[in-house]
PDB file of N, CA and C in Angstrom:
ATOM      1  N   MET A   1     -86.605  40.059 -59.247  1.00  0.00           N
ATOM      2  CA  MET A   1     -85.902  38.968 -58.911  1.00  0.00           C
ATOM      3  C   MET A   1     -84.417  39.614 -58.456  1.00  0.00           C
ATOM      4  N   ALA A   2     -84.034  39.143 -57.305  1.00  0.00           N
ATOM      5  CA  ALA A   2     -82.148  39.627 -56.859  1.00  0.00           C
ATOM      6  C   ALA A   2     -81.622  38.923 -58.081  1.00  0.00           C
ATOM      7  N   GLY A   3     -80.227  39.432 -58.536  1.00  0.00           N
ATOM      8  CA  GLY A   3     -79.384  38.726 -59.389  1.00  0.00           C
ATOM      9  C   GLY A   3     -79.720  38.632 -60.691  1.00  0.00           C
ATOM     10  N   ASN A   4     -80.668  38.843 -61.381  1.00  0.00           N
ATOM     11  CA  ASN A   4     -81.425  38.765 -62.534  1.00  0.00           C
ATOM     12  C   ASN A   4     -81.043  39.888 -63.481  1.00  0.00           C
ATOM     13  N   LYS A   5     -80.082  39.591 -64.561  1.00  0.00           N
ATOM     14  CA  LYS A   5     -79.829  40.941 -65.091  1.00  0.00           C
ATOM     15  C   LYS A   5     -80.824  41.221 -66.512  1.00  0.00           C
ATOM     16  N   PRO A   6     -81.178  42.311 -66.731  1.00  0.00           N
ATOM     17  CA  PRO A   6     -81.864  42.329 -67.982  1.00  0.00           C
ATOM     18  C   PRO A   6     -81.420  42.018 -69.016  1.00  0.00           C
ATOM     19  N   ILE A   7     -82.027  41.480 -69.994  1.00  0.00           N
ATOM     20  CA  ILE A   7     -81.537  40.960 -71.295  1.00  0.00           C
ATOM     21  C   ILE A   7     -81.472  42.231 -71.966  1.00  0.00           C
ATOM     22  N   LEU A   8     -79.983  42.389 -72.836  1.00  0.00           N
ATOM     23  CA  LEU A   8     -79.802  43.225 -73.732  1.00  0.00           C
ATOM     24  C   LEU A   8     -79.926  42.631 -75.197  1.00  0.00           C
ATOM     25  N   VAL A   9     -81.022  43.275 -75.870  1.00  0.00           N
ATOM     26  CA  VAL A   9     -81.124  42.887 -77.258  1.00  0.00           C
ATOM     27  C   VAL A   9     -80.506  44.271 -78.098  1.00  0.00           C
ATOM     28  N   GLU A  10     -79.977  43.502 -78.974  1.00  0.00           N
ATOM     29  CA  GLU A  10     -78.962  44.008 -79.839  1.00  0.00           C
ATOM     30  C   GLU A  10     -79.423  43.946 -81.359  1.00  0.00           C
ATOM     31  N   ARG A  11     -79.417  44.845 -82.470  1.00  0.00           N
ATOM     32  CA  ARG A  11     -79.675  44.730 -83.381  1.00  0.00           C
ATOM     33  C   ARG A  11     -78.758  43.889 -84.808  1.00  0.00           C
ATOM     34  N   VAL A  12     -78.794  43.266 -85.481  1.00  0.00           N
ATOM     35  CA  VAL A  12     -77.883  42.806 -86.570  1.00  0.00           C
ATOM     36  C   VAL A  12     -78.389  42.971 -88.056  1.00  0.00           C
ATOM     37  N   THR A  13     -77.349  42.746 -88.683  1.00  0.00           N
ATOM     38  CA  THR A  13     -77.991  43.000 -90.152  1.00  0.00           C
ATOM     39  C   THR A  13     -76.906  42.305 -91.101  1.00  0.00           C
ATOM     40  N   VAL A  14     -77.354  41.743 -92.146  1.00  0.00           N
ATOM     41  CA  VAL A  14     -76.591  40.981 -92.960  1.00  0.00           C
ATOM     42  C   VAL A  14     -77.101  41.254 -94.447  1.00  0.00           C
ATOM     43  N   THR A  15     -76.207  41.551 -95.278  1.00  0.00           N
ATOM     44  CA  THR A  15     -76.402  41.837 -96.596  1.00  0.00           C
ATOM     45  C   THR A  15     -76.140  40.466 -97.445  1.00  0.00           C
ATOM     46  N   ILE A  16     -76.989  39.977 -98.269  1.00  0.00           N
ATOM     47  CA  ILE A  16     -76.958  38.798 -99.149  1.00  0.00           C
ATOM     48  C   ILE A  16     -77.798  39.065-100.289  1.00  0.00           C
ATOM     49  N   ASP A  17     -76.814  38.997-101.182  1.00  0.00           N
ATOM     50  CA  ASP A  17     -77.301  39.150-102.760  1.00  0.00           C
ATOM     51  C   ASP A  17     -77.613  40.439-102.979  1.00  0.00           C
ATOM     52  N   GLY A  18     -77.337  41.528-102.143  1.00  0.00           N
ATOM     53  CA  GLY A  18     -77.309  42.882-102.757  1.00  0.00           C
ATOM     54  C   GLY A  18     -78.324  43.630-101.545  1.00  0.00           C
ATOM     55  N   ALA A  19     -79.180  42.501-100.826  1.00  0.00           N
ATOM     56  CA  ALA A  19     -80.285  42.827-100.205  1.00  0.00           C
ATOM     57  C   ALA A  19     -79.881  42.888 -98.667  1.00  0.00           C
ATOM     58  N   THR A  20     -80.302  43.926 -97.941  1.00  0.00           N
ATOM     59  CA  THR A  20     -79.971  44.140 -96.308  1.00  0.00           C
ATOM     60  C   THR A  20     -80.948  43.405 -95.725  1.00  0.00           C
ATOM     61  N   HIS A  21     -80.889  42.429 -94.620  1.00  0.00           N
ATOM     62  CA  HIS A  21     -81.894  41.875 -93.948  1.00  0.00           C
ATOM     63  C   HIS A  21     -81.575  42.178 -92.541  1.00  0.00           C
ATOM     64  N   ALA A  22     -82.720  42.470 -91.659  1.00  0.00           N
ATOM     65  CA  ALA A  22     -82.217  42.951 -90.113  1.00  0.00           C
ATOM     66  C   ALA A  22     -82.962  41.805 -89.267  1.00  0.00           C
ATOM     67  N   GLY A  23     -82.549  42.074 -87.850  1.00  0.00           N
ATOM     68  CA  GLY A  23     -82.860  41.148 -87.051  1.00  0.00           C
ATOM     69  C   GLY A  23     -82.268  41.467 -85.682  1.00  0.00           C
ATOM     70  N   ALA A  24     -82.880  40.404 -84.769  1.00  0.00           N
ATOM     71  CA  ALA A  24     -82.192  41.174 -83.269  1.00  0.00           C
ATOM     72  C   ALA A  24     -82.163  40.014 -82.715  1.00  0.00           C
ATOM     73  N   TYR A  25     -80.850  40.009 -81.599  1.00  0.00           N
ATOM     74  CA  TYR A  25     -80.406  38.919 -80.956  1.00  0.00           C
ATOM     75  C   TYR A  25     -80.103  39.575 -79.302  1.00  0.00           C
ATOM     76  N   TYR A  26     -80.170  38.172 -78.634  1.00  0.00           N
ATOM     77  CA  TYR A  26     -79.745  38.275 -77.219  1.00  0.00           C
ATOM     78  C   TYR A  26     -78.996  37.169 -76.893  1.00  0.00           C
ATOM     79  N   VAL A  27     -78.287  37.252 -75.905  1.00  0.00           N
ATOM     80  CA  VAL A  27     -77.589  36.245 -74.952  1.00  0.00           C
ATOM     81  C   VAL A  27     -78.190  36.094 -73.967  1.00  0.00           C
ATOM     82  N   LYS A  28     -78.571  34.692 -73.623  1.00  0.00           N
ATOM     83  CA  LYS A  28     -79.068  34.050 -72.212  1.00  0.00           C
ATOM     84  C   LYS A  28     -78.443  33.141 -71.914  1.00  0.00           C
ATOM     85  N   GLY A  29     -77.748  33.204 -70.596  1.00  0.00           N
ATOM     86  CA  GLY A  29     -76.656  31.943 -70.583  1.00  0.00           C
ATOM     87  C   GLY A  29     -76.044  31.636 -71.678  1.00  0.00           C
ATOM     88  N   PRO A  30     -75.828  30.260 -72.058  1.00  0.00           N
ATOM     89  CA  PRO A  30     -74.786  29.981 -73.065  1.00  0.00           C
ATOM     90  C   PRO A  30     -75.269  30.009 -74.383  1.00  0.00           C
ATOM     91  N   PHE A  31     -76.707  30.355 -74.413  1.00  0.00           N
ATOM     92  CA  PHE A  31     -77.295  30.511 -75.703  1.00  0.00           C
ATOM     93  C   PHE A  31     -77.447  31.765 -76.459  1.00  0.00           C
ATOM     94  N   LEU A  32     -77.622  31.889 -77.434  1.00  0.00           N
ATOM     95  CA  LEU A  32     -77.707  33.245 -78.494  1.00  0.00           C
ATOM     96  C   LEU A  32     -79.211  32.709 -79.212  1.00  0.00           C
ATOM     97  N   PHE A  33     -79.958  33.699 -78.895  1.00  0.00           N
ATOM     98  CA  PHE A  33     -81.032  33.824 -80.004  1.00  0.00           C
ATOM     99  C   PHE A  33     -81.220  34.981 -80.932  1.00  0.00           C
ATOM    100  N   VAL A  34     -81.648  34.691 -82.020  1.00  0.00           N
ATOM    101  CA  VAL A  34     -81.937  35.539 -83.073  1.00  0.00           C
ATOM    102  C   VAL A  34     -83.117  35.710 -83.638  1.00  0.00           C
ATOM    103  N   ARG A  35     -84.209  36.439 -84.177  1.00  0.00           N
ATOM    104  CA  ARG A  35     -85.337  36.860 -84.326  1.00  0.00           C
ATOM    105  C   ARG A  35     -85.229  37.646 -85.375  1.00  0.00           C
ATOM    106  N   SER A  36     -86.022  37.630 -86.225  1.00  0.00           N
ATOM    107  CA  SER A  36     -86.154  38.372 -87.517  1.00  0.00           C
ATOM    108  C   SER A  36     -87.610  38.072 -88.219  1.00  0.00           C
ATOM    109  N   PRO A  37     -87.981  39.011 -89.239  1.00  0.00           N
ATOM    110  CA  PRO A  37     -89.466  38.348 -89.670  1.00  0.00           C
ATOM    111  C   PRO A  37     -89.550  37.225 -90.554  1.00  0.00           C
ATOM    112  N   LEU A  38     -88.191  36.838 -90.528  1.00  0.00           N
ATOM    113  CA  LEU A  38     -88.308  35.488 -91.520  1.00  0.00           C
ATOM    114  C   LEU A  38     -88.225  34.216 -90.577  1.00  0.00           C
ATOM    115  N   GLY A  39     -88.534  34.309 -89.211  1.00  0.00           N
ATOM    116  CA  GLY A  39     -88.439  33.513 -88.219  1.00  0.00           C
ATOM    117  C   GLY A  39     -87.375  33.851 -86.906  1.00  0.00           C
ATOM    118  N   ALA A  40     -87.003  32.640 -86.060  1.00  0.00           N
ATOM    119  CA  ALA A  40     -86.114  32.760 -85.270  1.00  0.00           C
ATOM    120  C   ALA A  40     -85.320  31.453 -85.089  1.00  0.00           C
ATOM    121  N   LYS A  41     -84.036  31.593 -84.606  1.00  0.00           N
ATOM    122  CA  LYS A  41     -83.128  30.650 -84.521  1.00  0.00           C
ATOM    123  C   LYS A  41     -82.272  30.794 -83.196  1.00  0.00           C
ATOM    124  N   ALA A  42     -81.658  29.668 -82.732  1.00  0.00           N
ATOM    125  CA  ALA A  42     -81.037  29.529 -81.354  1.00  0.00           C
ATOM    126  C   ALA A  42     -79.569  28.709 -81.656  1.00  0.00           C
ATOM    127  N   THR A  43     -78.528  28.975 -81.220  1.00  0.00           N
ATOM    128  CA  THR A  43     -77.561  28.027 -80.795  1.00  0.00           C
ATOM    129  C   THR A  43     -76.537  28.471 -79.461  1.00  0.00           C
ATOM    130  N   GLN A  44     -75.732  27.642 -79.256  1.00  0.00           N
ATOM    131  CA  GLN A  44     -74.956  27.975 -78.346  1.00  0.00           C
ATOM    132  C   GLN A  44     -73.575  28.930 -78.822  1.00  0.00           C
ATOM    133  N   VAL A  45     -73.470  29.889 -77.994  1.00  0.00           N
ATOM    134  CA  VAL A  45     -72.355  30.876 -78.240  1.00  0.00           C
ATOM    135  C   VAL A  45     -71.026  30.270 -78.504  1.00  0.00           C
ATOM    136  N   GLY A  46     -70.653  29.410 -77.705  1.00  0.00           N
ATOM    137  CA  GLY A  46     -69.422  28.854 -77.690  1.00  0.00           C
ATOM    138  C   GLY A  46     -68.154  29.988 -77.355  1.00  0.00           C
ATOM    139  N   GLY A  47     -66.974  29.933 -78.413  1.00  0.00           N
ATOM    140  CA  GLY A  47     -66.169  30.824 -77.826  1.00  0.00           C
ATOM    141  C   GLY A  47     -65.945  31.996 -78.900  1.00  0.00           C
ATOM    142  N   SER A  48     -67.169  31.945 -79.799  1.00  0.00           N
ATOM    143  CA  SER A  48     -67.061  33.014 -81.112  1.00  0.00           C
ATOM    144  C   SER A  48     -67.920  34.501 -80.715  1.00  0.00           C
ATOM    145  N   PRO A  49     -67.491  35.654 -80.928  1.00  0.00           N
ATOM    146  CA  PRO A  49     -67.981  36.460 -80.813  1.00  0.00           C
ATOM    147  C   PRO A  49     -69.564  36.591 -81.030  1.00  0.00           C
ATOM    148  N   PRO A  50     -70.656  37.058 -79.744  1.00  0.00           N
ATOM    149  CA  PRO A  50     -71.869  37.022 -80.336  1.00  0.00           C
ATOM    150  C   PRO A  50     -72.591  37.608 -81.448  1.00  0.00           C
ATOM    151  N   LYS A  51     -71.898  38.834 -81.830  1.00  0.00           N
ATOM    152  CA  LYS A  51     -72.399  39.130 -83.201  1.00  0.00           C
ATOM    153  C   LYS A  51     -72.124  38.562 -84.091  1.00  0.00           C
ATOM    154  N   ALA A  52     -70.905  37.841 -84.433  1.00  0.00           N
ATOM    155  CA  ALA A  52     -70.653  36.968 -85.367  1.00  0.00           C
ATOM    156  C   ALA A  52     -71.481  36.116 -85.691  1.00  0.00           C
ATOM    157  N   VAL A  53     -71.828  34.912 -84.408  1.00  0.00           N
ATOM    158  CA  VAL A  53     -72.944  34.080 -84.460  1.00  0.00           C
ATOM    159  C   VAL A  53     -74.167  34.524 -84.698  1.00  0.00           C
ATOM    160  N   ALA A  54     -74.867  35.818 -84.279  1.00  0.00           N
ATOM    161  CA  ALA A  54     -76.088  36.107 -84.749  1.00  0.00           C
ATOM    162  C   ALA A  54     -76.169  36.583 -86.433  1.00  0.00           C
ATOM    163  N   GLU A  55     -74.969  37.019 -86.810  1.00  0.00           N
ATOM    164  CA  GLU A  55     -75.034  37.348 -88.605  1.00  0.00           C
ATOM    165  C   GLU A  55     -75.380  36.104 -89.168  1.00  0.00           C
ATOM    166  N   LEU A  56     -74.433  35.095 -88.408  1.00  0.00           N
ATOM    167  CA  LEU A  56     -74.586  33.630 -89.218  1.00  0.00           C
ATOM    168  C   LEU A  56     -76.035  33.283 -89.388  1.00  0.00           C
ATOM    169  N   LEU A  57     -76.650  33.232 -88.005  1.00  0.00           N
ATOM    170  CA  LEU A  57     -77.804  33.000 -87.723  1.00  0.00           C
ATOM    171  C   LEU A  57     -78.886  33.222 -88.849  1.00  0.00           C
ATOM    172  N   LEU A  58     -78.744  34.869 -88.566  1.00  0.00           N
ATOM    173  CA  LEU A  58     -79.712  35.574 -89.615  1.00  0.00           C
ATOM    174  C   LEU A  58     -79.316  35.089 -91.017  1.00  0.00           C
ATOM    175  N   ALA A  59     -78.180  35.203 -91.327  1.00  0.00           N
ATOM    176  CA  ALA A  59     -77.959  34.431 -92.743  1.00  0.00           C
ATOM    177  C   ALA A  59     -78.484  33.251 -93.202  1.00  0.00           C
ATOM    178  N   GLU A  60     -78.627  32.504 -92.264  1.00  0.00           N
ATOM    179  CA  GLU A  60     -79.169  30.822 -92.211  1.00  0.00           C
ATOM    180  C   GLU A  60     -80.759  31.569 -92.489  1.00  0.00           C
ATOM    181  N   LEU A  61     -81.408  32.235 -91.581  1.00  0.00           N
ATOM    182  CA  LEU A  61     -82.783  32.283 -92.015  1.00  0.00           C
ATOM    183  C   LEU A  61     -83.395  33.045 -93.494  1.00  0.00           C
ATOM    184  N   VAL A  62     -82.364  33.886 -93.852  1.00  0.00           N
ATOM    185  CA  VAL A  62     -82.700  34.502 -94.919  1.00  0.00           C
ATOM    186  C   VAL A  62     -82.299  33.397 -95.857  1.00  0.00           C
ATOM    187  N   ARG A  63     -81.374  32.721 -95.877  1.00  0.00           N
ATOM    188  CA  ARG A  63     -81.134  31.739 -97.219  1.00  0.00           C
ATOM    189  C   ARG A  63     -82.335  30.468 -96.976  1.00  0.00           C
ATOM    190  N   GLU A  64     -83.077  30.174 -95.735  1.00  0.00           N
ATOM    191  CA  GLU A  64     -84.048  29.500 -95.614  1.00  0.00           C
ATOM    192  C   GLU A  64     -85.480  30.020 -96.015  1.00  0.00           C
ATOM    193  N   GLY A  65     -85.846  31.116 -96.178  1.00  0.00           N
ATOM    194  CA  GLY A  65     -86.813  31.888 -96.593  1.00  0.00           C
ATOM    195  C   GLY A  65     -88.006  32.046 -95.504  1.00  0.00           C
ATOM    196  N   PRO A  66     -89.001  32.458 -95.674  1.00  0.00           N
ATOM    197  CA  PRO A  66     -89.773  32.889 -94.485  1.00  0.00           C
ATOM    198  C   PRO A  66     -90.143  31.518 -93.574  1.00  0.00           C
ATOM    199  N   ASN A  67     -90.482  31.643 -92.270  1.00  0.00           N
ATOM    200  CA  ASN A  67     -90.705  30.473 -91.620  1.00  0.00           C
ATOM    201  C   ASN A  67     -91.951  31.019 -90.781  1.00  0.00           C
ATOM    202  N   PRO A  68     -93.102  30.522 -91.141  1.00  0.00           N
ATOM    203  CA  PRO A  68     -94.712  31.145 -90.563  1.00  0.00           C
ATOM    204  C   PRO A  68     -94.676  30.141 -89.465  1.00  0.00           C
TER     205      PRO A  68
END
């Protein structure tokens, strides 16, 4: 389709309690989506840098534990 940009997926990592956890994120419109082996989350980006928002969401996933 004309006008559709490909979605750029970026890697993101956070270190919590000495363990590094990895995931990936992308922005589509006003929303940011994060996915990792622990699950997925989404939120509005707002005025914050997307990478910072992705790190926060990934940290939440880590703290919440696995999400089947």
